[in-house]
Amino acid sequence: MYIGGSLVGLIILILDLIAIVEILQSGRAVGEKLLWILLILLLPLVGVLLYFLIGRK
């Protein structure tokens, strides 16, 4: 059983959900929200890293 990979996956999932909730609650335009959420869903690790590094206002 490989527990390390499962733990990393769970952490990424939690960060993705936090970012998506934060995006939905923000005052951004609908199109901008949609693009960020699509990026996070399609590229979970890269998307959430980009959001937390450059996407937050």
PDB file of N, CA and C in Angstrom:
ATOM      1  N   MET A   1       0.838  -1.177   0.000  1.00  0.00           N
ATOM      2  CA  MET A   1       0.000   0.000   0.000  1.00  0.00           C
ATOM      3  C   MET A   1       0.884   1.242   0.000  1.00  0.00           C
ATOM      4  N   TYR A   2       0.597   2.176  -0.893  1.00  0.00           N
ATOM      5  CA  TYR A   2       1.393   3.386  -1.020  1.00  0.00           C
ATOM      6  C   TYR A   2       0.615   4.560  -0.425  1.00  0.00           C
ATOM      7  N   ILE A   3       0.869   4.840   0.833  1.00  0.00           N
ATOM      8  CA  ILE A   3       0.116   5.855   1.562  1.00  0.00           C
ATOM      9  C   ILE A   3       0.582   7.266   1.196  1.00  0.00           C
ATOM     10  N   GLY A   4       1.858   7.444   0.894  1.00  0.00           N
ATOM     11  CA  GLY A   4       2.389   8.764   0.584  1.00  0.00           C
ATOM     12  C   GLY A   4       1.687   9.423  -0.583  1.00  0.00           C
ATOM     13  N   GLY A   5       1.439   8.672  -1.647  1.00  0.00           N
ATOM     14  CA  GLY A   5       0.751   9.218  -2.817  1.00  0.00           C
ATOM     15  C   GLY A   5      -0.681   9.592  -2.511  1.00  0.00           C
ATOM     16  N   SER A   6      -1.334   8.793  -1.684  1.00  0.00           N
ATOM     17  CA  SER A   6      -2.709   9.092  -1.306  1.00  0.00           C
ATOM     18  C   SER A   6      -2.785  10.364  -0.484  1.00  0.00           C
ATOM     19  N   LEU A   7      -1.828  10.559   0.391  1.00  0.00           N
ATOM     20  CA  LEU A   7      -1.806  11.751   1.233  1.00  0.00           C
ATOM     21  C   LEU A   7      -1.563  12.995   0.384  1.00  0.00           C
ATOM     22  N   VAL A   8      -0.642  12.909  -0.544  1.00  0.00           N
ATOM     23  CA  VAL A   8      -0.364  14.041  -1.433  1.00  0.00           C
ATOM     24  C   VAL A   8      -1.599  14.362  -2.271  1.00  0.00           C
ATOM     25  N   GLY A   9      -2.258  13.364  -2.781  1.00  0.00           N
ATOM     26  CA  GLY A   9      -3.472  13.567  -3.566  1.00  0.00           C
ATOM     27  C   GLY A   9      -4.580  14.217  -2.751  1.00  0.00           C
ATOM     28  N   LEU A  10      -4.719  13.805  -1.508  1.00  0.00           N
ATOM     29  CA  LEU A  10      -5.724  14.382  -0.628  1.00  0.00           C
ATOM     30  C   LEU A  10      -5.417  15.851  -0.335  1.00  0.00           C
ATOM     31  N   ILE A  11      -4.155  16.165  -0.115  1.00  0.00           N
ATOM     32  CA  ILE A  11      -3.757  17.553   0.139  1.00  0.00           C
ATOM     33  C   ILE A  11      -4.039  18.422  -1.083  1.00  0.00           C
ATOM     34  N   ILE A  12      -3.721  17.923  -2.274  1.00  0.00           N
ATOM     35  CA  ILE A  12      -3.989  18.675  -3.503  1.00  0.00           C
ATOM     36  C   ILE A  12      -5.492  18.879  -3.682  1.00  0.00           C
ATOM     37  N   LEU A  13      -6.291  17.865  -3.398  1.00  0.00           N
ATOM     38  CA  LEU A  13      -7.744  17.984  -3.504  1.00  0.00           C
ATOM     39  C   LEU A  13      -8.270  19.048  -2.548  1.00  0.00           C
ATOM     40  N   ILE A  14      -7.788  19.054  -1.331  1.00  0.00           N
ATOM     41  CA  ILE A  14      -8.229  20.043  -0.341  1.00  0.00           C
ATOM     42  C   ILE A  14      -7.842  21.452  -0.788  1.00  0.00           C
ATOM     43  N   LEU A  15      -6.612  21.623  -1.283  1.00  0.00           N
ATOM     44  CA  LEU A  15      -6.180  22.936  -1.771  1.00  0.00           C
ATOM     45  C   LEU A  15      -7.008  23.383  -2.971  1.00  0.00           C
ATOM     46  N   ASP A  16      -7.330  22.448  -3.855  1.00  0.00           N
ATOM     47  CA  ASP A  16      -8.174  22.767  -5.009  1.00  0.00           C
ATOM     48  C   ASP A  16      -9.546  23.252  -4.553  1.00  0.00           C
ATOM     49  N   LEU A  17     -10.138  22.561  -3.602  1.00  0.00           N
ATOM     50  CA  LEU A  17     -11.460  22.953  -3.110  1.00  0.00           C
ATOM     51  C   LEU A  17     -11.420  24.313  -2.419  1.00  0.00           C
ATOM     52  N   ILE A  18     -10.380  24.569  -1.646  1.00  0.00           N
ATOM     53  CA  ILE A  18     -10.238  25.868  -0.991  1.00  0.00           C
ATOM     54  C   ILE A  18     -10.134  26.973  -2.041  1.00  0.00           C
ATOM     55  N   ALA A  19      -9.326  26.753  -3.069  1.00  0.00           N
ATOM     56  CA  ALA A  19      -9.160  27.752  -4.119  1.00  0.00           C
ATOM     57  C   ALA A  19     -10.468  27.990  -4.868  1.00  0.00           C
ATOM     58  N   ILE A  20     -11.202  26.937  -5.179  1.00  0.00           N
ATOM     59  CA  ILE A  20     -12.459  27.083  -5.917  1.00  0.00           C
ATOM     60  C   ILE A  20     -13.486  27.852  -5.091  1.00  0.00           C
ATOM     61  N   VAL A  21     -13.591  27.543  -3.807  1.00  0.00           N
ATOM     62  CA  VAL A  21     -14.522  28.271  -2.944  1.00  0.00           C
ATOM     63  C   VAL A  21     -14.118  29.742  -2.855  1.00  0.00           C
ATOM     64  N   GLU A  22     -12.822  29.999  -2.726  1.00  0.00           N
ATOM     65  CA  GLU A  22     -12.333  31.377  -2.670  1.00  0.00           C
ATOM     66  C   GLU A  22     -12.641  32.127  -3.965  1.00  0.00           C
ATOM     67  N   ILE A  23     -12.487  31.455  -5.093  1.00  0.00           N
ATOM     68  CA  ILE A  23     -12.788  32.076  -6.393  1.00  0.00           C
ATOM     69  C   ILE A  23     -14.279  32.393  -6.499  1.00  0.00           C
ATOM     70  N   LEU A  24     -15.121  31.453  -6.101  1.00  0.00           N
ATOM     71  CA  LEU A  24     -16.564  31.664  -6.192  1.00  0.00           C
ATOM     72  C   LEU A  24     -17.037  32.797  -5.295  1.00  0.00           C
ATOM     73  N   GLN A  25     -16.382  33.007  -4.178  1.00  0.00           N
ATOM     74  CA  GLN A  25     -16.776  34.058  -3.246  1.00  0.00           C
ATOM     75  C   GLN A  25     -16.157  35.414  -3.584  1.00  0.00           C
ATOM     76  N   SER A  26     -15.254  35.444  -4.539  1.00  0.00           N
ATOM     77  CA  SER A  26     -14.582  36.691  -4.890  1.00  0.00           C
ATOM     78  C   SER A  26     -15.496  37.584  -5.729  1.00  0.00           C
ATOM     79  N   GLY A  27     -15.083  38.819  -5.892  1.00  0.00           N
ATOM     80  CA  GLY A  27     -15.853  39.763  -6.676  1.00  0.00           C
ATOM     81  C   GLY A  27     -15.412  39.831  -8.129  1.00  0.00           C
ATOM     82  N   ARG A  28     -14.766  38.801  -8.598  1.00  0.00           N
ATOM     83  CA  ARG A  28     -14.285  38.758  -9.981  1.00  0.00           C
ATOM     84  C   ARG A  28     -15.447  38.649 -10.959  1.00  0.00           C
ATOM     85  N   ALA A  29     -15.153  38.961 -12.214  1.00  0.00           N
ATOM     86  CA  ALA A  29     -16.142  38.775 -13.283  1.00  0.00           C
ATOM     87  C   ALA A  29     -16.386  37.281 -13.480  1.00  0.00           C
ATOM     88  N   VAL A  30     -17.568  36.955 -13.969  1.00  0.00           N
ATOM     89  CA  VAL A  30     -17.949  35.545 -14.131  1.00  0.00           C
ATOM     90  C   VAL A  30     -16.987  34.810 -15.059  1.00  0.00           C
ATOM     91  N   GLY A  31     -16.580  35.446 -16.138  1.00  0.00           N
ATOM     92  CA  GLY A  31     -15.658  34.812 -17.079  1.00  0.00           C
ATOM     93  C   GLY A  31     -14.317  34.510 -16.454  1.00  0.00           C
ATOM     94  N   GLU A  32     -13.831  35.423 -15.644  1.00  0.00           N
ATOM     95  CA  GLU A  32     -12.554  35.218 -14.968  1.00  0.00           C
ATOM     96  C   GLU A  32     -12.652  34.076 -13.955  1.00  0.00           C
ATOM     97  N   LYS A  33     -13.778  34.018 -13.233  1.00  0.00           N
ATOM     98  CA  LYS A  33     -13.997  32.912 -12.293  1.00  0.00           C
ATOM     99  C   LYS A  33     -13.990  31.574 -13.026  1.00  0.00           C
ATOM    100  N   LEU A  34     -14.706  31.542 -14.139  1.00  0.00           N
ATOM    101  CA  LEU A  34     -14.810  30.309 -14.920  1.00  0.00           C
ATOM    102  C   LEU A  34     -13.447  29.846 -15.412  1.00  0.00           C
ATOM    103  N   LEU A  35     -12.630  30.778 -15.906  1.00  0.00           N
ATOM    104  CA  LEU A  35     -11.295  30.406 -16.396  1.00  0.00           C
ATOM    105  C   LEU A  35     -10.419  29.847 -15.283  1.00  0.00           C
ATOM    106  N   TRP A  36     -10.424  30.481 -14.121  1.00  0.00           N
ATOM    107  CA  TRP A  36      -9.610  29.980 -13.010  1.00  0.00           C
ATOM    108  C   TRP A  36     -10.077  28.591 -12.556  1.00  0.00           C
ATOM    109  N   ILE A  37     -11.400  28.421 -12.460  1.00  0.00           N
ATOM    110  CA  ILE A  37     -11.923  27.123 -12.022  1.00  0.00           C
ATOM    111  C   ILE A  37     -11.596  26.039 -13.044  1.00  0.00           C
ATOM    112  N   LEU A  38     -11.725  26.338 -14.329  1.00  0.00           N
ATOM    113  CA  LEU A  38     -11.372  25.355 -15.359  1.00  0.00           C
ATOM    114  C   LEU A  38      -9.887  24.994 -15.296  1.00  0.00           C
ATOM    115  N   LEU A  39      -9.038  25.979 -15.087  1.00  0.00           N
ATOM    116  CA  LEU A  39      -7.607  25.719 -14.969  1.00  0.00           C
ATOM    117  C   LEU A  39      -7.318  24.797 -13.787  1.00  0.00           C
ATOM    118  N   ILE A  40      -7.974  25.055 -12.666  1.00  0.00           N
ATOM    119  CA  ILE A  40      -7.752  24.229 -11.476  1.00  0.00           C
ATOM    120  C   ILE A  40      -8.283  22.816 -11.687  1.00  0.00           C
ATOM    121  N   LEU A  41      -9.422  22.682 -12.343  1.00  0.00           N
ATOM    122  CA  LEU A  41      -9.990  21.350 -12.560  1.00  0.00           C
ATOM    123  C   LEU A  41      -9.204  20.538 -13.593  1.00  0.00           C
ATOM    124  N   LEU A  42      -8.701  21.208 -14.633  1.00  0.00           N
ATOM    125  CA  LEU A  42      -7.970  20.493 -15.682  1.00  0.00           C
ATOM    126  C   LEU A  42      -6.524  20.180 -15.286  1.00  0.00           C
ATOM    127  N   LEU A  43      -5.903  21.080 -14.549  1.00  0.00           N
ATOM    128  CA  LEU A  43      -4.515  20.904 -14.094  1.00  0.00           C
ATOM    129  C   LEU A  43      -4.468  21.159 -12.588  1.00  0.00           C
ATOM    130  N   PRO A  44      -4.885  20.188 -11.779  1.00  0.00           N
ATOM    131  CA  PRO A  44      -5.061  20.431 -10.349  1.00  0.00           C
ATOM    132  C   PRO A  44      -3.838  21.022  -9.637  1.00  0.00           C
ATOM    133  N   LEU A  45      -2.686  20.446  -9.803  1.00  0.00           N
ATOM    134  CA  LEU A  45      -1.510  20.928  -9.087  1.00  0.00           C
ATOM    135  C   LEU A  45      -1.017  22.252  -9.659  1.00  0.00           C
ATOM    136  N   VAL A  46      -0.854  22.317 -10.968  1.00  0.00           N
ATOM    137  CA  VAL A  46      -0.363  23.535 -11.616  1.00  0.00           C
ATOM    138  C   VAL A  46      -1.370  24.666 -11.447  1.00  0.00           C
ATOM    139  N   GLY A  47      -2.655  24.365 -11.632  1.00  0.00           N
ATOM    140  CA  GLY A  47      -3.690  25.386 -11.526  1.00  0.00           C
ATOM    141  C   GLY A  47      -3.761  26.021 -10.157  1.00  0.00           C
ATOM    142  N   VAL A  48      -3.732  25.199  -9.118  1.00  0.00           N
ATOM    143  CA  VAL A  48      -3.828  25.746  -7.760  1.00  0.00           C
ATOM    144  C   VAL A  48      -2.558  26.510  -7.394  1.00  0.00           C
ATOM    145  N   LEU A  49      -1.414  26.038  -7.853  1.00  0.00           N
ATOM    146  CA  LEU A  49      -0.175  26.774  -7.592  1.00  0.00           C
ATOM    147  C   LEU A  49      -0.198  28.139  -8.274  1.00  0.00           C
ATOM    148  N   LEU A  50      -0.624  28.174  -9.536  1.00  0.00           N
ATOM    149  CA  LEU A  50      -0.722  29.449 -10.240  1.00  0.00           C
ATOM    150  C   LEU A  50      -1.715  30.386  -9.561  1.00  0.00           C
ATOM    151  N   TYR A  51      -2.836  29.839  -9.139  1.00  0.00           N
ATOM    152  CA  TYR A  51      -3.834  30.679  -8.488  1.00  0.00           C
ATOM    153  C   TYR A  51      -3.275  31.290  -7.201  1.00  0.00           C
ATOM    154  N   PHE A  52      -2.656  30.480  -6.354  1.00  0.00           N
ATOM    155  CA  PHE A  52      -2.166  30.999  -5.092  1.00  0.00           C
ATOM    156  C   PHE A  52      -0.946  31.911  -5.281  1.00  0.00           C
ATOM    157  N   LEU A  53      -0.197  31.736  -6.364  1.00  0.00           N
ATOM    158  CA  LEU A  53       0.965  32.596  -6.594  1.00  0.00           C
ATOM    159  C   LEU A  53       0.614  33.909  -7.305  1.00  0.00           C
ATOM    160  N   ILE A  54      -0.234  33.852  -8.341  1.00  0.00           N
ATOM    161  CA  ILE A  54      -0.490  35.065  -9.117  1.00  0.00           C
ATOM    162  C   ILE A  54      -1.949  35.440  -9.224  1.00  0.00           C
ATOM    163  N   GLY A  55      -2.872  34.568  -8.877  1.00  0.00           N
ATOM    164  CA  GLY A  55      -4.285  34.833  -9.120  1.00  0.00           C
ATOM    165  C   GLY A  55      -5.024  35.523  -7.998  1.00  0.00           C
ATOM    166  N   ARG A  56      -4.495  35.488  -6.806  1.00  0.00           N
ATOM    167  CA  ARG A  56      -5.183  36.115  -5.680  1.00  0.00           C
ATOM    168  C   ARG A  56      -5.017  37.620  -5.729  1.00  0.00           C
ATOM    169  N   LYS A  57      -6.060  38.314  -5.348  1.00  0.00           N
ATOM    170  CA  LYS A  57      -6.018  39.783  -5.334  1.00  0.00           C
ATOM    171  C   LYS A  57      -6.061  40.279  -3.908  1.00  0.00           C
TER     172      LYS A  57
END
